[in-house]
Each structure stands twice: as C-alpha cells, then as structure tokens.
N, C-alpha and C. Protein backbone atom coordinates (compact mmCIF):
# COMPACT_ATOMS: atom_id res chain seq x y z
N MET A 1 -7.47 4.60 16.59
CA MET A 1 -7.42 3.50 15.63
C MET A 1 -5.96 3.20 15.33
N SER A 2 -5.60 1.93 15.36
CA SER A 2 -4.21 1.55 15.12
C SER A 2 -3.89 1.57 13.63
N ASP A 3 -2.59 1.57 13.33
CA ASP A 3 -2.17 1.53 11.93
C ASP A 3 -2.65 0.27 11.23
N VAL A 4 -2.68 -0.85 11.98
CA VAL A 4 -3.11 -2.11 11.39
C VAL A 4 -4.58 -2.05 11.01
N SER A 5 -5.44 -1.55 11.91
CA SER A 5 -6.86 -1.48 11.60
C SER A 5 -7.12 -0.44 10.52
N LEU A 6 -6.36 0.65 10.51
CA LEU A 6 -6.50 1.66 9.47
C LEU A 6 -6.12 1.08 8.11
N ALA A 7 -5.03 0.31 8.07
CA ALA A 7 -4.61 -0.31 6.82
C ALA A 7 -5.66 -1.32 6.36
N GLY A 8 -6.23 -2.08 7.29
CA GLY A 8 -7.26 -3.05 6.94
C GLY A 8 -8.51 -2.39 6.40
N ALA A 9 -8.89 -1.27 7.00
CA ALA A 9 -10.07 -0.54 6.52
C ALA A 9 -9.82 0.03 5.14
N GLY A 10 -8.64 0.58 4.91
CA GLY A 10 -8.28 1.11 3.60
C GLY A 10 -8.21 0.01 2.55
N GLU A 11 -7.70 -1.14 2.96
CA GLU A 11 -7.61 -2.29 2.06
C GLU A 11 -9.00 -2.75 1.62
N ALA A 12 -9.93 -2.80 2.57
CA ALA A 12 -11.30 -3.21 2.26
C ALA A 12 -11.97 -2.22 1.31
N GLU A 13 -11.73 -0.93 1.55
CA GLU A 13 -12.32 0.09 0.69
C GLU A 13 -11.73 0.04 -0.72
N LEU A 14 -10.42 -0.16 -0.82
CA LEU A 14 -9.79 -0.27 -2.14
C LEU A 14 -10.28 -1.50 -2.89
N THR A 15 -10.47 -2.59 -2.16
CA THR A 15 -10.99 -3.80 -2.79
C THR A 15 -12.38 -3.54 -3.37
N GLN A 16 -13.22 -2.85 -2.60
CA GLN A 16 -14.56 -2.51 -3.07
C GLN A 16 -14.51 -1.58 -4.28
N MET A 17 -13.56 -0.63 -4.28
CA MET A 17 -13.43 0.29 -5.41
C MET A 17 -12.93 -0.44 -6.65
N ARG A 18 -11.99 -1.35 -6.47
CA ARG A 18 -11.41 -2.04 -7.63
C ARG A 18 -12.37 -3.05 -8.23
N TRP A 19 -13.08 -3.78 -7.38
CA TRP A 19 -14.00 -4.82 -7.85
C TRP A 19 -15.37 -4.62 -7.19
N PRO A 20 -16.13 -3.60 -7.61
CA PRO A 20 -17.43 -3.32 -6.95
C PRO A 20 -18.43 -4.47 -7.07
N GLU A 21 -18.33 -5.26 -8.12
CA GLU A 21 -19.25 -6.40 -8.31
C GLU A 21 -18.63 -7.70 -7.80
N GLY A 22 -17.47 -7.61 -7.16
CA GLY A 22 -16.75 -8.80 -6.74
C GLY A 22 -15.57 -9.05 -7.67
N PHE A 23 -14.65 -9.87 -7.23
CA PHE A 23 -13.43 -10.13 -7.99
C PHE A 23 -13.75 -10.69 -9.38
N VAL A 24 -13.02 -10.20 -10.38
CA VAL A 24 -13.07 -10.74 -11.74
C VAL A 24 -11.62 -10.90 -12.20
N CYS A 25 -11.27 -12.09 -12.61
CA CYS A 25 -9.91 -12.37 -13.05
C CYS A 25 -9.57 -11.53 -14.29
N PRO A 26 -8.45 -10.80 -14.26
CA PRO A 26 -8.07 -9.99 -15.41
C PRO A 26 -7.65 -10.83 -16.63
N ARG A 27 -7.28 -12.08 -16.41
CA ARG A 27 -6.83 -12.92 -17.53
C ARG A 27 -8.00 -13.64 -18.20
N CYS A 28 -8.84 -14.32 -17.41
CA CYS A 28 -9.86 -15.18 -18.01
C CYS A 28 -11.30 -14.74 -17.74
N GLY A 29 -11.49 -13.77 -16.84
CA GLY A 29 -12.83 -13.26 -16.57
C GLY A 29 -13.61 -14.06 -15.54
N GLU A 30 -13.00 -15.06 -14.92
CA GLU A 30 -13.65 -15.86 -13.88
C GLU A 30 -14.08 -14.93 -12.74
N GLY A 31 -15.23 -15.21 -12.17
CA GLY A 31 -15.77 -14.35 -11.12
C GLY A 31 -15.54 -14.83 -9.71
N ALA A 32 -14.70 -15.82 -9.52
CA ALA A 32 -14.41 -16.34 -8.18
C ALA A 32 -12.91 -16.36 -7.98
N ALA A 33 -12.51 -16.38 -6.71
CA ALA A 33 -11.08 -16.44 -6.41
C ALA A 33 -10.88 -16.91 -4.98
N SER A 34 -9.70 -17.45 -4.73
CA SER A 34 -9.27 -17.76 -3.37
C SER A 34 -8.46 -16.57 -2.88
N LEU A 35 -8.76 -16.11 -1.68
CA LEU A 35 -8.02 -14.98 -1.10
C LEU A 35 -7.05 -15.52 -0.07
N PHE A 36 -5.79 -15.14 -0.18
CA PHE A 36 -4.80 -15.50 0.83
C PHE A 36 -3.81 -14.35 0.98
N ARG A 37 -2.94 -14.44 1.96
CA ARG A 37 -1.97 -13.38 2.22
C ARG A 37 -0.56 -13.89 1.95
N HIS A 38 0.23 -13.02 1.35
CA HIS A 38 1.64 -13.30 1.09
C HIS A 38 2.42 -12.10 1.58
N TRP A 39 3.28 -12.31 2.55
CA TRP A 39 4.03 -11.23 3.18
C TRP A 39 3.08 -10.15 3.72
N GLY A 40 1.93 -10.57 4.21
CA GLY A 40 0.98 -9.65 4.81
C GLY A 40 0.08 -8.93 3.83
N LYS A 41 0.28 -9.14 2.54
CA LYS A 41 -0.52 -8.46 1.53
C LYS A 41 -1.51 -9.44 0.91
N PRO A 42 -2.74 -8.99 0.64
CA PRO A 42 -3.73 -9.91 0.08
C PRO A 42 -3.45 -10.23 -1.39
N LEU A 43 -3.66 -11.49 -1.73
CA LEU A 43 -3.56 -11.95 -3.11
C LEU A 43 -4.82 -12.76 -3.43
N TRP A 44 -5.33 -12.57 -4.64
CA TRP A 44 -6.47 -13.33 -5.12
C TRP A 44 -5.95 -14.29 -6.18
N GLN A 45 -6.33 -15.58 -6.07
CA GLN A 45 -5.91 -16.56 -7.07
C GLN A 45 -7.15 -17.11 -7.76
N CYS A 46 -7.15 -16.99 -9.07
CA CYS A 46 -8.25 -17.48 -9.90
C CYS A 46 -8.22 -19.01 -9.92
N PRO A 47 -9.35 -19.66 -9.65
CA PRO A 47 -9.37 -21.13 -9.68
C PRO A 47 -9.32 -21.69 -11.11
N ALA A 48 -9.69 -20.90 -12.10
CA ALA A 48 -9.72 -21.38 -13.49
C ALA A 48 -8.33 -21.35 -14.13
N CYS A 49 -7.67 -20.19 -14.08
CA CYS A 49 -6.37 -20.07 -14.76
C CYS A 49 -5.19 -19.97 -13.80
N ARG A 50 -5.46 -19.94 -12.49
CA ARG A 50 -4.44 -19.90 -11.43
C ARG A 50 -3.64 -18.60 -11.37
N LEU A 51 -4.10 -17.55 -12.05
CA LEU A 51 -3.43 -16.25 -11.98
C LEU A 51 -3.57 -15.68 -10.57
N GLN A 52 -2.47 -15.17 -10.05
CA GLN A 52 -2.49 -14.50 -8.75
C GLN A 52 -2.45 -13.00 -9.00
N THR A 53 -3.39 -12.28 -8.39
CA THR A 53 -3.52 -10.84 -8.60
C THR A 53 -3.53 -10.14 -7.25
N SER A 54 -2.80 -9.04 -7.16
CA SER A 54 -2.81 -8.25 -5.93
C SER A 54 -3.75 -7.06 -6.10
N LEU A 55 -4.01 -6.41 -5.01
CA LEU A 55 -4.89 -5.25 -5.01
C LEU A 55 -4.32 -4.11 -5.85
N VAL A 56 -3.01 -4.00 -5.90
CA VAL A 56 -2.37 -2.89 -6.61
C VAL A 56 -1.83 -3.27 -7.99
N ALA A 57 -1.99 -4.52 -8.40
CA ALA A 57 -1.50 -4.94 -9.72
C ALA A 57 -2.13 -4.09 -10.80
N GLY A 58 -1.30 -3.59 -11.70
CA GLY A 58 -1.79 -2.77 -12.79
C GLY A 58 -1.99 -1.31 -12.42
N THR A 59 -1.56 -0.92 -11.23
CA THR A 59 -1.67 0.48 -10.80
C THR A 59 -0.28 1.08 -10.66
N MET A 60 -0.22 2.36 -10.38
CA MET A 60 1.08 3.00 -10.22
C MET A 60 1.80 2.55 -8.94
N PHE A 61 1.09 1.86 -8.05
CA PHE A 61 1.69 1.37 -6.81
C PHE A 61 2.17 -0.07 -6.92
N ALA A 62 2.04 -0.67 -8.08
CA ALA A 62 2.29 -2.11 -8.25
C ALA A 62 3.69 -2.54 -7.84
N HIS A 63 4.71 -1.79 -8.13
CA HIS A 63 6.07 -2.23 -7.85
C HIS A 63 6.72 -1.46 -6.71
N SER A 64 5.90 -0.76 -5.94
CA SER A 64 6.42 0.00 -4.81
C SER A 64 6.69 -0.93 -3.64
N ARG A 65 7.76 -0.68 -2.94
CA ARG A 65 8.07 -1.44 -1.74
C ARG A 65 7.49 -0.76 -0.50
N LEU A 66 6.93 0.42 -0.69
CA LEU A 66 6.36 1.16 0.42
C LEU A 66 4.95 0.67 0.73
N PRO A 67 4.55 0.75 1.99
CA PRO A 67 3.16 0.43 2.32
C PRO A 67 2.21 1.41 1.63
N LEU A 68 1.00 0.97 1.35
CA LEU A 68 0.02 1.84 0.69
C LEU A 68 -0.26 3.09 1.50
N THR A 69 -0.22 2.99 2.83
CA THR A 69 -0.49 4.17 3.65
C THR A 69 0.54 5.27 3.36
N VAL A 70 1.80 4.89 3.18
CA VAL A 70 2.84 5.87 2.85
C VAL A 70 2.62 6.43 1.45
N CYS A 71 2.26 5.57 0.51
CA CYS A 71 1.98 6.04 -0.86
C CYS A 71 0.84 7.04 -0.88
N PHE A 72 -0.21 6.75 -0.11
CA PHE A 72 -1.36 7.66 -0.08
C PHE A 72 -1.01 8.97 0.62
N GLN A 73 -0.20 8.91 1.68
CA GLN A 73 0.24 10.15 2.33
C GLN A 73 1.04 11.00 1.36
N ALA A 74 1.94 10.38 0.62
CA ALA A 74 2.75 11.10 -0.35
C ALA A 74 1.87 11.72 -1.43
N THR A 75 0.92 10.95 -1.94
CA THR A 75 0.01 11.46 -2.97
C THR A 75 -0.77 12.64 -2.45
N TRP A 76 -1.26 12.53 -1.22
CA TRP A 76 -2.04 13.62 -0.63
C TRP A 76 -1.17 14.87 -0.47
N LEU A 77 0.04 14.71 0.07
CA LEU A 77 0.93 15.87 0.25
C LEU A 77 1.25 16.55 -1.07
N LEU A 78 1.52 15.76 -2.10
CA LEU A 78 1.92 16.32 -3.38
C LEU A 78 0.76 16.98 -4.13
N THR A 79 -0.46 16.52 -3.88
CA THR A 79 -1.60 17.08 -4.61
C THR A 79 -2.30 18.21 -3.88
N GLN A 80 -2.04 18.38 -2.60
CA GLN A 80 -2.76 19.40 -1.82
C GLN A 80 -2.01 20.72 -1.72
N SER A 81 -0.80 20.77 -2.18
CA SER A 81 -0.03 22.00 -2.04
C SER A 81 -0.26 22.95 -3.21
N LYS A 82 0.00 24.20 -2.94
CA LYS A 82 -0.07 25.22 -3.99
C LYS A 82 1.34 25.75 -4.23
N GLY A 83 1.73 25.83 -5.47
CA GLY A 83 3.03 26.41 -5.79
C GLY A 83 4.21 25.48 -5.56
N GLY A 84 3.99 24.17 -5.52
CA GLY A 84 5.11 23.23 -5.41
C GLY A 84 5.61 22.98 -4.02
N ALA A 85 4.97 23.53 -2.99
CA ALA A 85 5.44 23.31 -1.63
C ALA A 85 5.26 21.86 -1.19
N GLY A 86 4.43 21.10 -1.89
CA GLY A 86 4.17 19.72 -1.52
C GLY A 86 5.41 18.86 -1.59
N THR A 87 6.23 19.07 -2.61
CA THR A 87 7.43 18.26 -2.72
C THR A 87 8.39 18.56 -1.58
N GLU A 88 8.47 19.82 -1.17
CA GLU A 88 9.32 20.19 -0.04
C GLU A 88 8.78 19.57 1.25
N SER A 89 7.46 19.64 1.45
CA SER A 89 6.85 19.06 2.65
C SER A 89 7.08 17.55 2.68
N PHE A 90 6.91 16.93 1.53
CA PHE A 90 7.11 15.49 1.45
C PHE A 90 8.56 15.13 1.76
N ALA A 91 9.49 15.86 1.17
CA ALA A 91 10.91 15.59 1.42
C ALA A 91 11.24 15.76 2.89
N GLU A 92 10.71 16.80 3.53
CA GLU A 92 10.95 17.02 4.95
C GLU A 92 10.36 15.87 5.77
N HIS A 93 9.17 15.44 5.40
CA HIS A 93 8.49 14.35 6.11
C HIS A 93 9.31 13.06 6.02
N VAL A 94 9.77 12.73 4.82
CA VAL A 94 10.56 11.51 4.61
C VAL A 94 11.89 11.62 5.36
N LEU A 95 12.53 12.78 5.29
CA LEU A 95 13.80 12.99 5.99
C LEU A 95 13.61 12.81 7.49
N CYS A 96 12.55 13.38 8.05
CA CYS A 96 12.29 13.25 9.48
C CYS A 96 12.08 11.79 9.87
N GLN A 97 11.36 11.04 9.04
CA GLN A 97 11.13 9.63 9.33
C GLN A 97 12.44 8.85 9.29
N ARG A 98 13.30 9.15 8.32
CA ARG A 98 14.58 8.43 8.20
C ARG A 98 15.49 8.75 9.37
N VAL A 99 15.53 10.02 9.78
CA VAL A 99 16.37 10.41 10.91
C VAL A 99 15.86 9.74 12.19
N ALA A 100 14.55 9.71 12.37
CA ALA A 100 13.98 9.07 13.56
C ALA A 100 14.29 7.58 13.57
N ALA A 101 14.17 6.92 12.43
CA ALA A 101 14.46 5.49 12.35
C ALA A 101 15.93 5.22 12.64
N LYS A 102 16.82 6.05 12.09
CA LYS A 102 18.26 5.88 12.31
C LYS A 102 18.59 6.11 13.78
N THR A 103 17.98 7.12 14.39
CA THR A 103 18.21 7.41 15.80
C THR A 103 17.77 6.24 16.67
N GLN A 104 16.60 5.66 16.37
CA GLN A 104 16.13 4.51 17.11
C GLN A 104 17.06 3.32 16.94
N ALA A 105 17.51 3.09 15.72
CA ALA A 105 18.42 1.97 15.44
C ALA A 105 19.74 2.17 16.19
N ASP A 106 20.26 3.38 16.17
CA ASP A 106 21.52 3.68 16.86
C ASP A 106 21.36 3.50 18.37
N ALA A 107 20.23 3.93 18.92
CA ALA A 107 19.98 3.79 20.35
C ALA A 107 19.86 2.32 20.73
N GLY A 108 19.24 1.53 19.86
CA GLY A 108 19.11 0.09 20.11
C GLY A 108 20.45 -0.62 20.06
N ASN A 109 21.33 -0.20 19.14
CA ASN A 109 22.65 -0.81 19.01
C ASN A 109 23.57 -0.41 20.15
N ALA A 110 23.36 0.77 20.73
CA ALA A 110 24.22 1.25 21.81
C ALA A 110 24.02 0.41 23.06
N GLY A 111 22.84 -0.13 23.25
CA GLY A 111 22.57 -0.92 24.44
C GLY A 111 23.04 -2.36 24.33
N VAL A 112 23.53 -2.78 23.19
CA VAL A 112 23.94 -4.18 22.98
C VAL A 112 25.37 -4.38 23.35
C-alpha cells in the first residue's frame, strides 16, 4: 500500500470518527458542506455561514506543519515506550530522516 492510499484511508477513518453522523458545522450547526482540497488537505465549507473547517481543526494537530502520518507515528512512539525510551526513539527516528533528506539533497546538488 502506498503512502498516498494509506493517508487517504486514514483520512476517511478520521472523518468518520470526527463526524459519525456526517458533517456538522461547528459554528451554525448546518448538516451539509462542500468538500474541497486546499494544498492537498480536505476542507469542508458550510453553505449557510461559509465557515471552512479542516479535519484537524480544534485538535492538537491543528497548527502542525507535519503530515498526519508523521504526527501519528510520533504519538505511537511516545505512548508505547516504557521508562521514557519513546522520546529517545522518536529523536533518533527524526534525526535519521533529516540526515537521509540532507544526504539526498546534497547528492542531487552534486550532479548539477
């Protein structure tokens, strides 16, 4: 399964968890919305009051620039450890990703 399909499946499940009876506008209570994407992320717009709401609005992930998959991995790592090892594992994981990204970027620039 690709990252895109995994993210889409997780997005659908989160939508169902957040609005099990269907979308309800947090401002006016309207039960309908237009769904569109902005920068690849789903947004619901209420036709009555025009409020735009994201899947993560009002949650601890609301202002994160990280993809939800990374947030969930971090949450899982931090909650599954015993004795605080989760923060060390998470730090190592993030460091490895940053080093790999920098190495790829450097390799790409060397060929130019």
